[in-house]
C-alpha cells in the first residue's frame, strides 16, 4: 500500500490533468505497437523507406484475399 500511495503522489498532477482533459496515451501506445510490428517484419531490409512502406501497409489494414 505504501508503494501505491507513493506512486499516486508522484503522478498526482497527471492524474488531475486527465480529469480535466480526458486525454490518454492509448493512441500513442497503439501507434508504437504498429511500428514495432512493422520493424519485426522488415528485418533485414536496408532502406528506411521500406519500414515506412510496411507501417503504411499495416496501418491501412488492407485485405489482399482473392475473390471466390
N, C-alpha and C. Protein backbone atom coordinates (compact mmCIF):
# COMPACT_ATOMS: atom_id res chain seq x y z
N UNK A 1 0.82 -1.19 0.00
CA UNK A 1 0.00 0.00 0.00
C UNK A 1 0.86 1.25 0.00
N UNK A 2 1.99 1.20 0.70
CA UNK A 2 2.86 2.37 0.73
C UNK A 2 3.41 2.67 -0.65
N UNK A 3 3.75 1.63 -1.39
CA UNK A 3 4.26 1.81 -2.75
C UNK A 3 3.22 2.42 -3.68
N UNK A 4 1.98 1.96 -3.56
CA UNK A 4 0.90 2.50 -4.38
C UNK A 4 0.64 3.97 -4.03
N UNK A 5 0.67 4.29 -2.75
CA UNK A 5 0.46 5.67 -2.33
C UNK A 5 1.58 6.57 -2.83
N UNK A 6 2.80 6.08 -2.79
CA UNK A 6 3.93 6.88 -3.28
C UNK A 6 3.83 7.10 -4.79
N UNK A 7 3.38 6.08 -5.50
CA UNK A 7 3.21 6.22 -6.95
C UNK A 7 2.12 7.23 -7.29
N UNK A 8 1.02 7.18 -6.58
CA UNK A 8 -0.06 8.15 -6.80
C UNK A 8 0.42 9.56 -6.46
N UNK A 9 1.17 9.69 -5.40
CA UNK A 9 1.69 11.00 -5.02
C UNK A 9 2.63 11.56 -6.09
N UNK A 10 3.46 10.71 -6.67
CA UNK A 10 4.39 11.15 -7.72
C UNK A 10 3.66 11.61 -8.97
N UNK A 11 2.56 10.95 -9.31
CA UNK A 11 1.84 11.23 -10.56
C UNK A 11 0.56 12.04 -10.34
N UNK A 12 0.45 12.70 -9.20
CA UNK A 12 -0.79 13.39 -8.84
C UNK A 12 -1.19 14.44 -9.86
N UNK A 13 -0.24 15.24 -10.37
CA UNK A 13 -0.56 16.28 -11.35
C UNK A 13 -1.13 15.67 -12.64
N UNK A 14 -0.54 14.58 -13.09
CA UNK A 14 -1.03 13.92 -14.30
C UNK A 14 -2.41 13.31 -14.11
N UNK A 15 -2.66 12.78 -12.92
CA UNK A 15 -3.98 12.19 -12.63
C UNK A 15 -5.05 13.27 -12.67
N UNK A 16 -4.79 14.40 -12.05
CA UNK A 16 -5.76 15.50 -12.06
C UNK A 16 -5.93 16.07 -13.47
N UNK A 17 -4.84 16.13 -14.24
CA UNK A 17 -4.91 16.64 -15.60
C UNK A 17 -5.80 15.75 -16.48
N UNK A 18 -5.80 14.45 -16.23
CA UNK A 18 -6.64 13.55 -17.02
C UNK A 18 -8.12 13.88 -16.82
N UNK A 19 -8.52 14.22 -15.60
CA UNK A 19 -9.92 14.54 -15.35
C UNK A 19 -10.36 15.80 -16.08
N UNK A 20 -9.46 16.76 -16.27
CA UNK A 20 -9.83 17.99 -16.96
C UNK A 20 -9.73 17.86 -18.48
N UNK A 21 -8.78 17.06 -18.98
CA UNK A 21 -8.59 16.97 -20.44
C UNK A 21 -9.22 15.73 -21.05
N UNK A 22 -9.23 14.61 -20.33
CA UNK A 22 -9.78 13.37 -20.86
C UNK A 22 -8.86 12.66 -21.84
N UNK A 23 -7.62 13.13 -21.97
CA UNK A 23 -6.68 12.52 -22.90
C UNK A 23 -5.93 11.37 -22.24
N UNK A 24 -5.57 10.38 -23.05
CA UNK A 24 -4.76 9.28 -22.54
C UNK A 24 -3.70 8.94 -23.58
N UNK A 25 -2.79 8.04 -23.21
CA UNK A 25 -1.72 7.65 -24.11
C UNK A 25 -2.08 6.43 -24.94
N UNK A 26 -3.33 6.05 -24.97
CA UNK A 26 -3.75 4.85 -25.67
C UNK A 26 -3.44 4.90 -27.16
N UNK A 27 -3.69 6.04 -27.80
CA UNK A 27 -3.42 6.18 -29.23
C UNK A 27 -1.93 6.06 -29.51
N UNK A 28 -1.10 6.68 -28.68
CA UNK A 28 0.34 6.60 -28.88
C UNK A 28 0.86 5.18 -28.66
N UNK A 29 0.32 4.50 -27.69
CA UNK A 29 0.74 3.12 -27.43
C UNK A 29 0.35 2.21 -28.60
N UNK A 30 -0.82 2.43 -29.18
CA UNK A 30 -1.24 1.65 -30.34
C UNK A 30 -0.35 1.91 -31.55
N UNK A 31 0.02 3.18 -31.75
CA UNK A 31 0.92 3.52 -32.85
C UNK A 31 2.29 2.91 -32.64
N UNK A 32 2.78 2.92 -31.41
CA UNK A 32 4.06 2.31 -31.10
C UNK A 32 4.02 0.81 -31.37
N UNK A 33 2.93 0.16 -31.03
CA UNK A 33 2.78 -1.27 -31.28
C UNK A 33 2.81 -1.56 -32.79
N UNK A 34 2.15 -0.71 -33.56
CA UNK A 34 2.14 -0.86 -35.02
C UNK A 34 3.55 -0.73 -35.59
N UNK A 35 4.31 0.24 -35.11
CA UNK A 35 5.68 0.44 -35.60
C UNK A 35 6.57 -0.73 -35.21
N UNK A 36 6.41 -1.24 -33.99
CA UNK A 36 7.22 -2.39 -33.57
C UNK A 36 6.90 -3.63 -34.41
N UNK A 37 5.64 -3.83 -34.75
CA UNK A 37 5.27 -4.96 -35.60
C UNK A 37 5.87 -4.80 -36.99
N UNK A 38 5.87 -3.59 -37.51
CA UNK A 38 6.45 -3.34 -38.83
C UNK A 38 7.95 -3.56 -38.80
N UNK A 39 8.61 -3.14 -37.73
CA UNK A 39 10.06 -3.33 -37.62
C UNK A 39 10.42 -4.81 -37.61
N UNK A 40 9.59 -5.63 -36.98
CA UNK A 40 9.89 -7.06 -36.95
C UNK A 40 9.70 -7.69 -38.33
N UNK A 41 8.80 -7.14 -39.14
CA UNK A 41 8.55 -7.70 -40.48
C UNK A 41 9.59 -7.27 -41.51
N UNK A 42 10.17 -6.09 -41.34
CA UNK A 42 11.13 -5.61 -42.34
C UNK A 42 12.57 -5.87 -41.90
N UNK A 43 12.75 -6.76 -40.98
CA UNK A 43 14.10 -7.08 -40.51
C UNK A 43 14.96 -7.56 -41.69
N UNK A 44 16.07 -6.90 -41.91
CA UNK A 44 16.97 -7.28 -42.99
C UNK A 44 16.93 -6.34 -44.18
N UNK A 45 15.89 -5.52 -44.29
CA UNK A 45 15.86 -4.54 -45.37
C UNK A 45 16.81 -3.40 -45.03
N UNK A 46 17.37 -2.78 -46.05
CA UNK A 46 18.40 -1.79 -45.81
C UNK A 46 17.90 -0.36 -45.81
N UNK A 47 16.79 -0.09 -46.41
CA UNK A 47 16.35 1.29 -46.58
C UNK A 47 15.21 1.63 -45.61
N UNK A 48 15.28 2.81 -45.02
CA UNK A 48 14.20 3.25 -44.13
C UNK A 48 12.86 3.40 -44.87
N UNK A 49 12.92 3.60 -46.16
CA UNK A 49 11.69 3.71 -46.96
C UNK A 49 10.87 2.42 -46.86
N UNK A 50 11.55 1.28 -46.77
CA UNK A 50 10.85 0.01 -46.65
C UNK A 50 10.08 -0.08 -45.33
N UNK A 51 10.68 0.45 -44.26
CA UNK A 51 9.98 0.47 -42.97
C UNK A 51 8.74 1.36 -43.06
N UNK A 52 8.88 2.52 -43.68
CA UNK A 52 7.74 3.42 -43.82
C UNK A 52 6.62 2.78 -44.65
N UNK A 53 7.01 2.04 -45.69
CA UNK A 53 6.01 1.36 -46.51
C UNK A 53 5.29 0.28 -45.72
N UNK A 54 6.03 -0.47 -44.91
CA UNK A 54 5.42 -1.54 -44.11
C UNK A 54 4.49 -0.94 -43.05
N UNK A 55 4.86 0.18 -42.44
CA UNK A 55 4.00 0.84 -41.46
C UNK A 55 2.70 1.26 -42.14
N UNK A 56 2.80 1.81 -43.34
CA UNK A 56 1.60 2.24 -44.06
C UNK A 56 0.70 1.05 -44.40
N UNK A 57 1.30 -0.05 -44.85
CA UNK A 57 0.51 -1.22 -45.20
C UNK A 57 -0.17 -1.84 -43.97
N UNK A 58 0.55 -1.91 -42.86
CA UNK A 58 -0.05 -2.47 -41.65
C UNK A 58 -1.13 -1.55 -41.09
N UNK A 59 -0.90 -0.26 -41.18
CA UNK A 59 -1.87 0.69 -40.64
C UNK A 59 -3.14 0.77 -41.44
N UNK A 60 -3.05 0.49 -42.77
CA UNK A 60 -4.22 0.57 -43.62
C UNK A 60 -5.15 -0.63 -43.46
N UNK A 61 -4.62 -1.74 -42.94
CA UNK A 61 -5.39 -2.97 -42.74
C UNK A 61 -6.10 -3.39 -44.03
N UNK A 62 -5.32 -3.48 -45.08
CA UNK A 62 -5.86 -3.86 -46.38
C UNK A 62 -6.16 -5.35 -46.43
N UNK A 63 -7.13 -5.73 -47.23
CA UNK A 63 -7.50 -7.13 -47.40
C UNK A 63 -7.03 -7.57 -48.79
N UNK A 64 -6.03 -8.44 -48.84
CA UNK A 64 -5.46 -8.90 -50.10
C UNK A 64 -5.98 -10.27 -50.52
N UNK A 65 -7.11 -10.71 -50.00
CA UNK A 65 -7.61 -12.03 -50.36
C UNK A 65 -8.26 -11.96 -51.76
N UNK A 66 -8.20 -13.08 -52.45
CA UNK A 66 -8.77 -13.17 -53.79
C UNK A 66 -10.25 -13.48 -53.70
N UNK A 67 -11.05 -12.96 -54.64
CA UNK A 67 -12.48 -13.27 -54.60
C UNK A 67 -12.71 -14.74 -54.93
N UNK A 68 -13.73 -15.30 -54.34
CA UNK A 68 -14.03 -16.72 -54.59
C UNK A 68 -15.26 -16.88 -55.44
